[in-house]
Amino acid sequence: MRKKLFHLFILIGLSSTAFAQSGFINYKGEGNVVTNAGETLTGTVYYALSSPRRVSIKLVDGTEKKFDYDDTKSFIVGEKQYHAIKIKTLGNPNTFAQLLNPQSSSFIKVYKNETQPTIVVGGDYTVTTTHFIGVTGEEVAYDTGDLKLTPFNKKMAEIVKACPELAKKIADKENGYKVGLISNDIFRVPVYLRIAQEYDACNK
């Protein structure tokens, strides 16, 4: 299991590039869009980091449709799965975010949100990456370093208390199950993914 998580950690690092020299990042691939009305549309999906609250799809019959965040529940473009989430922030709380553990249950979800400004400064196409944690029962997803999750060993152990063995590992700050106050997402995200995976295994 740790080997699989290590490979996923490498993928996270590669996809968190600070600057995209080639220009704006636009994802295109076969997939689907699930609307809030419960409709699933299949075709070629387009998603641009410079428009993080909008997604479009070209249907098999050639019809093109565009959807805003407010109209969309989720979408898949290629191998990436995105959810419409509400985040705890001082700015706009609504955004699309990539689900990093789509194989997981709905209890703990780890999201990656990427945005790219439409104005280029100095020839660099800056990409801002933030990770969020969604827990069933919470109305918003929290930044991995949010005070809601601090101190980590106490708050996360309480969240997963339905799995006593996992909760104990976190409470005891065992290696691979602890997050420090000054940790960044390079260290935090693999820990959250490991916890989500073990919680799923515990509840099967």
N, C-alpha and C. Protein backbone atom coordinates (compact mmCIF):
# COMPACT_ATOMS: atom_id res chain seq x y z
N MET A 1 0.83 -1.20 0.00
CA MET A 1 0.00 0.00 0.00
C MET A 1 0.86 1.25 0.00
N ARG A 2 1.96 1.24 0.81
CA ARG A 2 2.82 2.42 0.87
C ARG A 2 3.50 2.67 -0.47
N LYS A 3 3.81 1.58 -1.19
CA LYS A 3 4.43 1.74 -2.50
C LYS A 3 3.48 2.44 -3.45
N LYS A 4 2.20 2.08 -3.41
CA LYS A 4 1.21 2.71 -4.28
C LYS A 4 1.07 4.19 -3.93
N LEU A 5 1.04 4.49 -2.63
CA LEU A 5 0.91 5.87 -2.20
C LEU A 5 2.13 6.68 -2.59
N PHE A 6 3.31 6.05 -2.57
CA PHE A 6 4.53 6.75 -2.97
C PHE A 6 4.44 7.14 -4.44
N HIS A 7 3.95 6.21 -5.26
CA HIS A 7 3.80 6.50 -6.69
C HIS A 7 2.82 7.65 -6.89
N LEU A 8 1.73 7.68 -6.12
CA LEU A 8 0.76 8.75 -6.23
C LEU A 8 1.36 10.06 -5.78
N PHE A 9 2.22 10.00 -4.75
CA PHE A 9 2.92 11.19 -4.26
C PHE A 9 3.79 11.78 -5.36
N ILE A 10 4.46 10.93 -6.12
CA ILE A 10 5.29 11.40 -7.22
C ILE A 10 4.43 12.11 -8.26
N LEU A 11 3.26 11.53 -8.57
CA LEU A 11 2.37 12.14 -9.55
C LEU A 11 1.89 13.50 -9.08
N ILE A 12 1.61 13.62 -7.77
CA ILE A 12 1.17 14.90 -7.23
C ILE A 12 2.25 15.94 -7.42
N GLY A 13 3.49 15.56 -7.14
CA GLY A 13 4.60 16.49 -7.29
C GLY A 13 4.77 16.95 -8.72
N LEU A 14 4.64 16.04 -9.65
CA LEU A 14 4.81 16.39 -11.05
C LEU A 14 3.71 17.30 -11.55
N SER A 15 2.52 17.15 -11.01
CA SER A 15 1.39 17.93 -11.50
C SER A 15 1.25 19.28 -10.79
N SER A 16 2.16 19.59 -9.87
CA SER A 16 2.07 20.84 -9.13
C SER A 16 3.11 21.86 -9.58
N THR A 17 3.45 21.84 -10.86
CA THR A 17 4.43 22.77 -11.41
C THR A 17 3.99 24.21 -11.21
N ALA A 18 4.91 25.06 -10.76
CA ALA A 18 4.58 26.45 -10.46
C ALA A 18 4.40 27.28 -11.72
N PHE A 19 5.18 26.98 -12.78
CA PHE A 19 5.09 27.77 -14.00
C PHE A 19 4.94 26.85 -15.21
N ALA A 20 4.05 27.24 -16.10
CA ALA A 20 3.85 26.47 -17.34
C ALA A 20 4.40 27.30 -18.49
N GLN A 21 5.58 26.95 -18.96
CA GLN A 21 6.23 27.74 -20.00
C GLN A 21 5.50 27.65 -21.35
N SER A 22 4.76 26.58 -21.55
CA SER A 22 4.13 26.36 -22.85
C SER A 22 2.85 27.18 -23.04
N GLY A 23 2.36 27.81 -21.99
CA GLY A 23 1.15 28.62 -22.12
C GLY A 23 0.06 28.18 -21.17
N PHE A 24 -1.17 28.55 -21.51
CA PHE A 24 -2.29 28.20 -20.66
C PHE A 24 -2.56 26.70 -20.71
N ILE A 25 -2.92 26.15 -19.56
CA ILE A 25 -3.18 24.71 -19.48
C ILE A 25 -4.66 24.46 -19.74
N ASN A 26 -4.92 23.70 -20.78
CA ASN A 26 -6.29 23.33 -21.13
C ASN A 26 -6.37 21.81 -21.22
N TYR A 27 -7.31 21.23 -20.49
CA TYR A 27 -7.49 19.78 -20.54
C TYR A 27 -8.59 19.44 -21.55
N LYS A 28 -8.33 18.41 -22.34
CA LYS A 28 -9.30 17.94 -23.32
C LYS A 28 -9.24 16.43 -23.34
N GLY A 29 -10.40 15.79 -23.30
CA GLY A 29 -10.41 14.34 -23.33
C GLY A 29 -11.83 13.80 -23.30
N GLU A 30 -11.94 12.53 -23.59
CA GLU A 30 -13.25 11.89 -23.53
C GLU A 30 -13.70 11.82 -22.08
N GLY A 31 -14.98 12.01 -21.86
CA GLY A 31 -15.48 11.98 -20.49
C GLY A 31 -16.96 12.29 -20.43
N ASN A 32 -17.37 12.85 -19.31
CA ASN A 32 -18.78 13.18 -19.14
C ASN A 32 -18.95 14.34 -18.17
N VAL A 33 -20.12 14.94 -18.23
CA VAL A 33 -20.50 16.00 -17.30
C VAL A 33 -21.80 15.58 -16.64
N VAL A 34 -21.82 15.62 -15.31
CA VAL A 34 -23.04 15.30 -14.55
C VAL A 34 -23.60 16.60 -14.01
N THR A 35 -24.81 16.94 -14.42
CA THR A 35 -25.42 18.20 -14.01
C THR A 35 -26.13 18.05 -12.66
N ASN A 36 -26.44 19.18 -12.05
CA ASN A 36 -27.18 19.16 -10.79
C ASN A 36 -28.61 18.66 -10.98
N ALA A 37 -29.06 18.66 -12.23
CA ALA A 37 -30.40 18.16 -12.54
C ALA A 37 -30.41 16.63 -12.66
N GLY A 38 -29.21 16.02 -12.55
CA GLY A 38 -29.13 14.56 -12.62
C GLY A 38 -28.86 14.01 -14.00
N GLU A 39 -28.62 14.89 -14.97
CA GLU A 39 -28.37 14.46 -16.35
C GLU A 39 -26.88 14.18 -16.54
N THR A 40 -26.55 13.08 -17.22
CA THR A 40 -25.16 12.74 -17.54
C THR A 40 -24.95 12.87 -19.04
N LEU A 41 -24.06 13.77 -19.44
CA LEU A 41 -23.77 14.01 -20.85
C LEU A 41 -22.39 13.45 -21.17
N THR A 42 -22.29 12.68 -22.25
CA THR A 42 -21.03 12.04 -22.62
C THR A 42 -20.50 12.63 -23.93
N GLY A 43 -19.19 12.80 -23.99
CA GLY A 43 -18.58 13.35 -25.19
C GLY A 43 -17.15 13.78 -24.93
N THR A 44 -16.69 14.80 -25.65
CA THR A 44 -15.35 15.34 -25.45
C THR A 44 -15.45 16.54 -24.52
N VAL A 45 -14.74 16.46 -23.39
CA VAL A 45 -14.83 17.49 -22.36
C VAL A 45 -13.63 18.43 -22.45
N TYR A 46 -13.89 19.72 -22.24
CA TYR A 46 -12.85 20.75 -22.26
C TYR A 46 -12.87 21.50 -20.93
N TYR A 47 -11.69 21.66 -20.34
CA TYR A 47 -11.59 22.39 -19.07
C TYR A 47 -10.30 23.18 -19.03
N ALA A 48 -10.40 24.48 -18.75
CA ALA A 48 -9.23 25.36 -18.72
C ALA A 48 -8.98 25.87 -17.31
N LEU A 49 -7.71 25.82 -16.87
CA LEU A 49 -7.38 26.30 -15.53
C LEU A 49 -7.59 27.80 -15.39
N SER A 50 -7.63 28.50 -16.51
CA SER A 50 -7.88 29.95 -16.47
C SER A 50 -9.37 30.26 -16.28
N SER A 51 -10.22 29.23 -16.41
CA SER A 51 -11.67 29.38 -16.16
C SER A 51 -12.12 28.25 -15.24
N PRO A 52 -11.66 28.29 -13.98
CA PRO A 52 -11.86 27.16 -13.06
C PRO A 52 -13.29 26.92 -12.60
N ARG A 53 -14.21 27.76 -13.01
CA ARG A 53 -15.61 27.58 -12.62
C ARG A 53 -16.51 27.25 -13.82
N ARG A 54 -15.88 26.82 -14.92
CA ARG A 54 -16.66 26.55 -16.14
C ARG A 54 -16.10 25.32 -16.86
N VAL A 55 -16.98 24.51 -17.41
CA VAL A 55 -16.58 23.33 -18.18
C VAL A 55 -17.48 23.24 -19.41
N SER A 56 -16.94 22.72 -20.50
CA SER A 56 -17.75 22.57 -21.72
C SER A 56 -17.59 21.16 -22.26
N ILE A 57 -18.55 20.74 -23.06
CA ILE A 57 -18.54 19.39 -23.62
C ILE A 57 -19.09 19.42 -25.04
N LYS A 58 -18.45 18.65 -25.92
CA LYS A 58 -18.94 18.48 -27.28
C LYS A 58 -19.53 17.09 -27.36
N LEU A 59 -20.82 17.02 -27.59
CA LEU A 59 -21.52 15.75 -27.62
C LEU A 59 -21.24 14.99 -28.91
N VAL A 60 -21.64 13.73 -28.93
CA VAL A 60 -21.40 12.87 -30.09
C VAL A 60 -22.03 13.45 -31.35
N ASP A 61 -23.17 14.11 -31.21
CA ASP A 61 -23.85 14.68 -32.39
C ASP A 61 -23.27 16.02 -32.82
N GLY A 62 -22.20 16.46 -32.15
CA GLY A 62 -21.55 17.71 -32.52
C GLY A 62 -22.02 18.93 -31.75
N THR A 63 -23.07 18.77 -30.96
CA THR A 63 -23.59 19.87 -30.15
C THR A 63 -22.60 20.23 -29.03
N GLU A 64 -22.37 21.52 -28.83
CA GLU A 64 -21.49 21.97 -27.76
C GLU A 64 -22.31 22.63 -26.66
N LYS A 65 -22.00 22.27 -25.42
CA LYS A 65 -22.69 22.86 -24.28
C LYS A 65 -21.68 23.32 -23.24
N LYS A 66 -21.99 24.44 -22.59
CA LYS A 66 -21.13 24.97 -21.54
C LYS A 66 -21.89 24.99 -20.22
N PHE A 67 -21.17 24.68 -19.15
CA PHE A 67 -21.79 24.65 -17.83
C PHE A 67 -20.95 25.43 -16.83
N ASP A 68 -21.64 26.19 -15.98
CA ASP A 68 -20.98 26.88 -14.88
C ASP A 68 -20.97 25.97 -13.66
N TYR A 69 -20.23 26.39 -12.66
CA TYR A 69 -20.16 25.64 -11.41
C TYR A 69 -21.55 25.37 -10.84
N ASP A 70 -22.40 26.37 -10.85
CA ASP A 70 -23.72 26.25 -10.24
C ASP A 70 -24.61 25.22 -10.91
N ASP A 71 -24.27 24.84 -12.15
CA ASP A 71 -25.09 23.87 -12.89
C ASP A 71 -24.53 22.45 -12.83
N THR A 72 -23.34 22.30 -12.26
CA THR A 72 -22.59 21.06 -12.41
C THR A 72 -22.31 20.36 -11.08
N LYS A 73 -22.48 19.05 -11.07
CA LYS A 73 -22.14 18.24 -9.89
C LYS A 73 -20.72 17.71 -10.01
N SER A 74 -20.37 17.19 -11.18
CA SER A 74 -19.03 16.64 -11.39
C SER A 74 -18.78 16.48 -12.89
N PHE A 75 -17.52 16.24 -13.24
CA PHE A 75 -17.21 15.91 -14.63
C PHE A 75 -15.90 15.13 -14.69
N ILE A 76 -15.75 14.39 -15.77
CA ILE A 76 -14.54 13.60 -16.02
C ILE A 76 -13.97 14.04 -17.35
N VAL A 77 -12.67 14.33 -17.36
CA VAL A 77 -11.98 14.67 -18.61
C VAL A 77 -10.74 13.79 -18.67
N GLY A 78 -10.74 12.85 -19.62
CA GLY A 78 -9.64 11.88 -19.67
C GLY A 78 -9.64 11.02 -18.42
N GLU A 79 -8.52 11.02 -17.69
CA GLU A 79 -8.41 10.23 -16.46
C GLU A 79 -8.63 11.08 -15.21
N LYS A 80 -8.97 12.34 -15.39
CA LYS A 80 -9.16 13.24 -14.25
C LYS A 80 -10.64 13.38 -13.92
N GLN A 81 -10.94 13.27 -12.63
CA GLN A 81 -12.31 13.43 -12.16
C GLN A 81 -12.41 14.69 -11.30
N TYR A 82 -13.37 15.55 -11.62
CA TYR A 82 -13.54 16.80 -10.90
C TYR A 82 -14.91 16.86 -10.22
N HIS A 83 -14.93 17.47 -9.04
CA HIS A 83 -16.18 17.70 -8.33
C HIS A 83 -16.39 19.19 -8.13
N ALA A 84 -17.62 19.61 -8.09
CA ALA A 84 -17.95 20.98 -7.72
C ALA A 84 -17.99 21.01 -6.20
N ILE A 85 -17.10 21.78 -5.58
CA ILE A 85 -17.04 21.80 -4.12
C ILE A 85 -17.15 23.23 -3.60
N LYS A 86 -17.52 23.33 -2.35
CA LYS A 86 -17.53 24.62 -1.66
C LYS A 86 -16.38 24.59 -0.66
N ILE A 87 -15.55 25.61 -0.69
CA ILE A 87 -14.37 25.63 0.17
C ILE A 87 -14.46 26.76 1.19
N LYS A 88 -13.73 26.60 2.28
CA LYS A 88 -13.66 27.65 3.30
C LYS A 88 -12.63 28.67 2.84
N THR A 89 -13.09 29.84 2.46
CA THR A 89 -12.20 30.88 1.97
C THR A 89 -12.85 32.24 2.12
N LEU A 90 -12.03 33.28 2.12
CA LEU A 90 -12.55 34.64 2.21
C LEU A 90 -13.09 35.11 0.86
N GLY A 91 -12.62 34.48 -0.21
CA GLY A 91 -13.06 34.86 -1.54
C GLY A 91 -14.24 34.03 -1.99
N ASN A 92 -14.26 33.69 -3.29
CA ASN A 92 -15.35 32.88 -3.84
C ASN A 92 -15.24 31.45 -3.32
N PRO A 93 -16.26 30.95 -2.61
CA PRO A 93 -16.16 29.63 -2.00
C PRO A 93 -16.46 28.46 -2.94
N ASN A 94 -16.83 28.75 -4.18
CA ASN A 94 -17.23 27.69 -5.10
C ASN A 94 -16.18 27.47 -6.18
N THR A 95 -15.84 26.21 -6.41
CA THR A 95 -14.82 25.92 -7.42
C THR A 95 -14.91 24.45 -7.85
N PHE A 96 -14.27 24.13 -8.96
CA PHE A 96 -14.07 22.74 -9.34
C PHE A 96 -12.73 22.29 -8.78
N ALA A 97 -12.64 21.06 -8.34
CA ALA A 97 -11.38 20.54 -7.82
C ALA A 97 -11.25 19.08 -8.23
N GLN A 98 -10.02 18.68 -8.57
CA GLN A 98 -9.77 17.31 -8.98
C GLN A 98 -9.76 16.39 -7.77
N LEU A 99 -10.49 15.29 -7.85
CA LEU A 99 -10.51 14.30 -6.77
C LEU A 99 -9.31 13.39 -6.93
N LEU A 100 -8.42 13.38 -5.93
CA LEU A 100 -7.20 12.58 -6.02
C LEU A 100 -7.39 11.13 -5.59
N ASN A 101 -8.47 10.84 -4.90
CA ASN A 101 -8.73 9.46 -4.49
C ASN A 101 -10.12 9.01 -4.93
N PRO A 102 -10.36 8.96 -6.25
CA PRO A 102 -11.68 8.58 -6.75
C PRO A 102 -12.09 7.16 -6.40
N GLN A 103 -11.09 6.32 -6.07
CA GLN A 103 -11.39 4.94 -5.70
C GLN A 103 -11.87 4.84 -4.26
N SER A 104 -11.82 5.96 -3.53
CA SER A 104 -12.17 5.97 -2.11
C SER A 104 -13.67 6.05 -1.90
N SER A 105 -14.07 5.85 -0.64
CA SER A 105 -15.47 6.02 -0.28
C SER A 105 -15.77 7.52 -0.23
N SER A 106 -16.98 7.86 0.13
CA SER A 106 -17.36 9.26 0.15
C SER A 106 -17.02 9.93 1.48
N PHE A 107 -16.43 9.21 2.43
CA PHE A 107 -16.22 9.80 3.76
C PHE A 107 -15.09 10.82 3.80
N ILE A 108 -13.91 10.46 3.29
CA ILE A 108 -12.79 11.39 3.24
C ILE A 108 -12.35 11.54 1.79
N LYS A 109 -12.40 12.76 1.29
CA LYS A 109 -11.98 13.01 -0.08
C LYS A 109 -10.83 14.02 -0.09
N VAL A 110 -9.84 13.76 -0.93
CA VAL A 110 -8.69 14.65 -1.06
C VAL A 110 -8.76 15.31 -2.43
N TYR A 111 -8.79 16.64 -2.44
CA TYR A 111 -8.96 17.40 -3.67
C TYR A 111 -7.73 18.24 -4.01
N LYS A 112 -7.52 18.43 -5.30
CA LYS A 112 -6.49 19.36 -5.77
C LYS A 112 -7.16 20.40 -6.64
N ASN A 113 -6.97 21.66 -6.29
CA ASN A 113 -7.53 22.77 -7.06
C ASN A 113 -6.40 23.54 -7.72
N GLU A 114 -6.48 23.69 -9.04
CA GLU A 114 -5.47 24.43 -9.80
C GLU A 114 -6.13 25.60 -10.51
N THR A 115 -5.50 26.76 -10.44
CA THR A 115 -6.00 27.93 -11.15
C THR A 115 -4.86 28.62 -11.87
N GLN A 116 -5.20 29.32 -12.93
CA GLN A 116 -4.21 30.01 -13.75
C GLN A 116 -4.79 31.37 -14.15
N PRO A 117 -4.12 32.48 -13.79
CA PRO A 117 -4.65 33.79 -14.15
C PRO A 117 -4.67 34.01 -15.65
N THR A 118 -5.61 34.80 -16.10
CA THR A 118 -5.72 35.06 -17.54
C THR A 118 -4.72 36.10 -18.02
N ILE A 119 -4.11 36.84 -17.08
CA ILE A 119 -3.11 37.84 -17.43
C ILE A 119 -1.72 37.28 -17.17
N VAL A 120 -0.87 37.27 -18.18
CA VAL A 120 0.48 36.72 -18.07
C VAL A 120 1.45 37.82 -17.68
N VAL A 121 2.27 37.56 -16.65
CA VAL A 121 3.25 38.53 -16.17
C VAL A 121 4.65 38.00 -16.42
N GLY A 122 5.46 38.75 -17.15
CA GLY A 122 6.85 38.35 -17.37
C GLY A 122 7.02 37.08 -18.16
N GLY A 123 6.03 36.71 -18.95
CA GLY A 123 6.15 35.51 -19.78
C GLY A 123 5.90 34.21 -19.06
N ASP A 124 5.59 34.27 -17.75
CA ASP A 124 5.34 33.05 -16.98
C ASP A 124 3.84 32.83 -16.80
N TYR A 125 3.41 31.62 -17.06
CA TYR A 125 2.01 31.25 -16.91
C TYR A 125 1.85 30.57 -15.55
N THR A 126 1.72 31.36 -14.51
CA THR A 126 1.71 30.84 -13.15
C THR A 126 0.50 29.93 -12.89
N VAL A 127 0.75 28.81 -12.23
CA VAL A 127 -0.31 27.90 -11.82
C VAL A 127 -0.31 27.83 -10.29
N THR A 128 -1.44 28.15 -9.69
CA THR A 128 -1.57 28.08 -8.23
C THR A 128 -2.28 26.78 -7.87
N THR A 129 -1.65 25.99 -7.01
CA THR A 129 -2.21 24.70 -6.61
C THR A 129 -2.51 24.69 -5.11
N THR A 130 -3.72 24.30 -4.76
CA THR A 130 -4.13 24.19 -3.36
C THR A 130 -4.84 22.85 -3.18
N HIS A 131 -4.63 22.24 -2.03
CA HIS A 131 -5.29 20.96 -1.73
C HIS A 131 -6.32 21.15 -0.63
N PHE A 132 -7.42 20.40 -0.74
CA PHE A 132 -8.50 20.50 0.23
C PHE A 132 -8.93 19.12 0.68
N ILE A 133 -9.49 19.07 1.89
CA ILE A 133 -10.00 17.83 2.45
C ILE A 133 -11.50 17.97 2.65
N GLY A 134 -12.25 17.02 2.10
CA GLY A 134 -13.69 17.00 2.29
C GLY A 134 -14.07 15.83 3.17
N VAL A 135 -14.87 16.07 4.20
CA VAL A 135 -15.31 15.03 5.12
C VAL A 135 -16.83 15.00 5.14
N THR A 136 -17.40 13.83 5.03
CA THR A 136 -18.85 13.69 5.04
C THR A 136 -19.43 14.35 6.29
N GLY A 137 -20.47 15.15 6.09
CA GLY A 137 -21.09 15.85 7.20
C GLY A 137 -20.68 17.30 7.30
N GLU A 138 -19.56 17.66 6.65
CA GLU A 138 -19.09 19.04 6.65
C GLU A 138 -19.62 19.75 5.40
N GLU A 139 -20.06 20.98 5.55
CA GLU A 139 -20.62 21.72 4.42
C GLU A 139 -19.56 22.22 3.46
N VAL A 140 -18.34 22.41 3.95
CA VAL A 140 -17.26 22.92 3.11
C VAL A 140 -16.05 22.01 3.20
N ALA A 141 -15.18 22.12 2.19
CA ALA A 141 -13.90 21.41 2.20
C ALA A 141 -12.85 22.37 2.77
N TYR A 142 -11.90 21.82 3.52
CA TYR A 142 -10.92 22.65 4.20
C TYR A 142 -9.53 22.51 3.58
N ASP A 143 -8.81 23.62 3.56
CA ASP A 143 -7.40 23.58 3.17
C ASP A 143 -6.69 22.60 4.09
N THR A 144 -5.72 21.86 3.56
CA THR A 144 -5.04 20.83 4.36
C THR A 144 -4.39 21.39 5.62
N GLY A 145 -4.10 22.69 5.65
CA GLY A 145 -3.48 23.29 6.82
C GLY A 145 -4.43 24.13 7.65
N ASP A 146 -5.74 24.00 7.41
CA ASP A 146 -6.73 24.81 8.11
C ASP A 146 -6.75 24.50 9.61
N LEU A 147 -7.07 25.51 10.41
CA LEU A 147 -7.15 25.33 11.86
C LEU A 147 -8.20 24.29 12.25
N LYS A 148 -9.18 24.08 11.38
CA LYS A 148 -10.21 23.07 11.63
C LYS A 148 -9.57 21.69 11.81
N LEU A 149 -8.41 21.49 11.20
CA LEU A 149 -7.71 20.20 11.24
C LEU A 149 -6.49 20.26 12.15
N THR A 150 -6.42 21.26 13.02
CA THR A 150 -5.28 21.44 13.91
C THR A 150 -5.74 21.46 15.38
N PRO A 151 -5.03 20.76 16.30
CA PRO A 151 -3.87 19.90 16.05
C PRO A 151 -4.27 18.62 15.32
N PHE A 152 -3.48 18.26 14.35
CA PHE A 152 -3.82 17.17 13.44
C PHE A 152 -4.10 15.87 14.18
N ASN A 153 -3.23 15.50 15.12
CA ASN A 153 -3.37 14.19 15.76
C ASN A 153 -4.68 14.08 16.54
N LYS A 154 -5.16 15.17 17.09
CA LYS A 154 -6.42 15.12 17.84
C LYS A 154 -7.63 15.22 16.92
N LYS A 155 -7.60 16.18 16.01
CA LYS A 155 -8.76 16.40 15.14
C LYS A 155 -8.99 15.23 14.17
N MET A 156 -7.92 14.74 13.55
CA MET A 156 -8.10 13.66 12.58
C MET A 156 -8.44 12.34 13.28
N ALA A 157 -7.87 12.12 14.45
CA ALA A 157 -8.20 10.90 15.20
C ALA A 157 -9.69 10.90 15.56
N GLU A 158 -10.23 12.06 15.86
CA GLU A 158 -11.65 12.17 16.17
C GLU A 158 -12.50 11.90 14.93
N ILE A 159 -12.05 12.39 13.78
CA ILE A 159 -12.80 12.21 12.54
C ILE A 159 -12.91 10.73 12.17
N VAL A 160 -11.83 9.97 12.41
CA VAL A 160 -11.81 8.55 12.00
C VAL A 160 -12.03 7.61 13.18
N LYS A 161 -12.65 8.10 14.24
CA LYS A 161 -12.79 7.30 15.47
C LYS A 161 -13.59 6.01 15.25
N ALA A 162 -14.35 5.94 14.16
CA ALA A 162 -15.08 4.70 13.85
C ALA A 162 -14.12 3.55 13.55
N CYS A 163 -12.85 3.89 13.28
CA CYS A 163 -11.80 2.88 13.06
C CYS A 163 -10.75 3.06 14.15
N PRO A 164 -10.93 2.42 15.30
CA PRO A 164 -10.07 2.62 16.47
C PRO A 164 -8.58 2.42 16.20
N GLU A 165 -8.23 1.41 15.43
CA GLU A 165 -6.82 1.14 15.16
C GLU A 165 -6.18 2.29 14.39
N LEU A 166 -6.88 2.79 13.38
CA LEU A 166 -6.38 3.92 12.61
C LEU A 166 -6.32 5.18 13.46
N ALA A 167 -7.36 5.42 14.25
CA ALA A 167 -7.40 6.59 15.12
C ALA A 167 -6.23 6.59 16.09
N LYS A 168 -5.86 5.42 16.59
CA LYS A 168 -4.74 5.31 17.54
C LYS A 168 -3.42 5.65 16.87
N LYS A 169 -3.23 5.19 15.63
CA LYS A 169 -2.00 5.51 14.90
C LYS A 169 -1.83 7.02 14.76
N ILE A 170 -2.94 7.68 14.47
CA ILE A 170 -2.90 9.13 14.29
C ILE A 170 -2.68 9.84 15.62
N ALA A 171 -3.42 9.42 16.64
CA ALA A 171 -3.30 10.04 17.96
C ALA A 171 -1.89 9.88 18.53
N ASP A 172 -1.26 8.73 18.25
CA ASP A 172 0.09 8.45 18.75
C ASP A 172 1.18 9.04 17.86
N LYS A 173 0.78 9.70 16.79
CA LYS A 173 1.72 10.34 15.86
C LYS A 173 2.74 9.35 15.28
N GLU A 174 2.23 8.19 14.87
CA GLU A 174 3.12 7.21 14.26
C GLU A 174 3.63 7.73 12.92
N ASN A 175 4.80 7.24 12.52
CA ASN A 175 5.37 7.65 11.23
C ASN A 175 4.39 7.35 10.10
N GLY A 176 4.18 8.32 9.25
CA GLY A 176 3.25 8.15 8.14
C GLY A 176 1.84 8.58 8.47
N TYR A 177 1.60 8.94 9.75
CA TYR A 177 0.25 9.33 10.18
C TYR A 177 0.26 10.65 10.95
N LYS A 178 1.29 11.44 10.75
CA LYS A 178 1.38 12.71 11.47
C LYS A 178 1.66 13.85 10.51
N VAL A 179 1.18 15.03 10.87
CA VAL A 179 1.37 16.24 10.08
C VAL A 179 1.79 17.35 11.03
N GLY A 180 2.92 17.98 10.76
CA GLY A 180 3.41 19.05 11.61
C GLY A 180 2.78 20.38 11.28
N LEU A 181 2.90 21.33 12.20
CA LEU A 181 2.30 22.65 12.01
C LEU A 181 2.89 23.39 10.81
N ILE A 182 4.17 23.14 10.53
CA ILE A 182 4.82 23.86 9.42
C ILE A 182 4.97 22.97 8.18
N SER A 183 4.29 21.84 8.16
CA SER A 183 4.36 20.96 6.98
C SER A 183 3.68 21.63 5.79
N ASN A 184 4.13 21.30 4.58
CA ASN A 184 3.45 21.78 3.39
C ASN A 184 2.74 20.61 2.71
N ASP A 185 2.09 20.88 1.60
CA ASP A 185 1.28 19.85 0.95
C ASP A 185 2.09 18.68 0.42
N ILE A 186 3.36 18.89 0.15
CA ILE A 186 4.20 17.78 -0.31
C ILE A 186 4.22 16.68 0.74
N PHE A 187 4.17 17.07 2.01
CA PHE A 187 4.17 16.09 3.10
C PHE A 187 2.76 15.76 3.57
N ARG A 188 1.87 16.74 3.53
CA ARG A 188 0.52 16.52 4.08
C ARG A 188 -0.35 15.63 3.21
N VAL A 189 -0.34 15.87 1.90
CA VAL A 189 -1.27 15.17 1.01
C VAL A 189 -1.11 13.64 1.06
N PRO A 190 0.13 13.09 1.00
CA PRO A 190 0.25 11.63 1.09
C PRO A 190 -0.29 11.06 2.40
N VAL A 191 -0.20 11.83 3.49
CA VAL A 191 -0.73 11.37 4.78
C VAL A 191 -2.25 11.29 4.72
N TYR A 192 -2.88 12.31 4.18
CA TYR A 192 -4.34 12.30 4.05
C TYR A 192 -4.81 11.17 3.13
N LEU A 193 -4.09 10.93 2.06
CA LEU A 193 -4.45 9.84 1.14
C LEU A 193 -4.33 8.49 1.83
N ARG A 194 -3.28 8.32 2.63
CA ARG A 194 -3.10 7.06 3.35
C ARG A 194 -4.23 6.85 4.35
N ILE A 195 -4.59 7.89 5.07
CA ILE A 195 -5.66 7.79 6.06
C ILE A 195 -6.99 7.47 5.38
N ALA A 196 -7.28 8.14 4.27
CA ALA A 196 -8.53 7.88 3.55
C ALA A 196 -8.59 6.44 3.07
N GLN A 197 -7.47 5.93 2.58
CA GLN A 197 -7.41 4.56 2.08
C GLN A 197 -7.61 3.55 3.20
N GLU A 198 -6.97 3.78 4.34
CA GLU A 198 -7.11 2.85 5.46
C GLU A 198 -8.50 2.92 6.08
N TYR A 199 -9.09 4.10 6.07
CA TYR A 199 -10.45 4.23 6.59
C TYR A 199 -11.41 3.41 5.73
N ASP A 200 -11.23 3.46 4.43
CA ASP A 200 -12.06 2.67 3.52
C ASP A 200 -11.93 1.18 3.82
N ALA A 201 -10.67 0.73 3.98
CA ALA A 201 -10.41 -0.69 4.24
C ALA A 201 -11.06 -1.13 5.55
N CYS A 202 -11.05 -0.24 6.53
CA CYS A 202 -11.63 -0.54 7.84
C CYS A 202 -13.14 -0.69 7.76
N ASN A 203 -13.77 0.05 6.87
CA ASN A 203 -15.23 0.07 6.80
C ASN A 203 -15.82 -0.83 5.72
N LYS A 204 -15.00 -1.68 5.13
CA LYS A 204 -15.53 -2.59 4.10
C LYS A 204 -16.34 -3.70 4.74
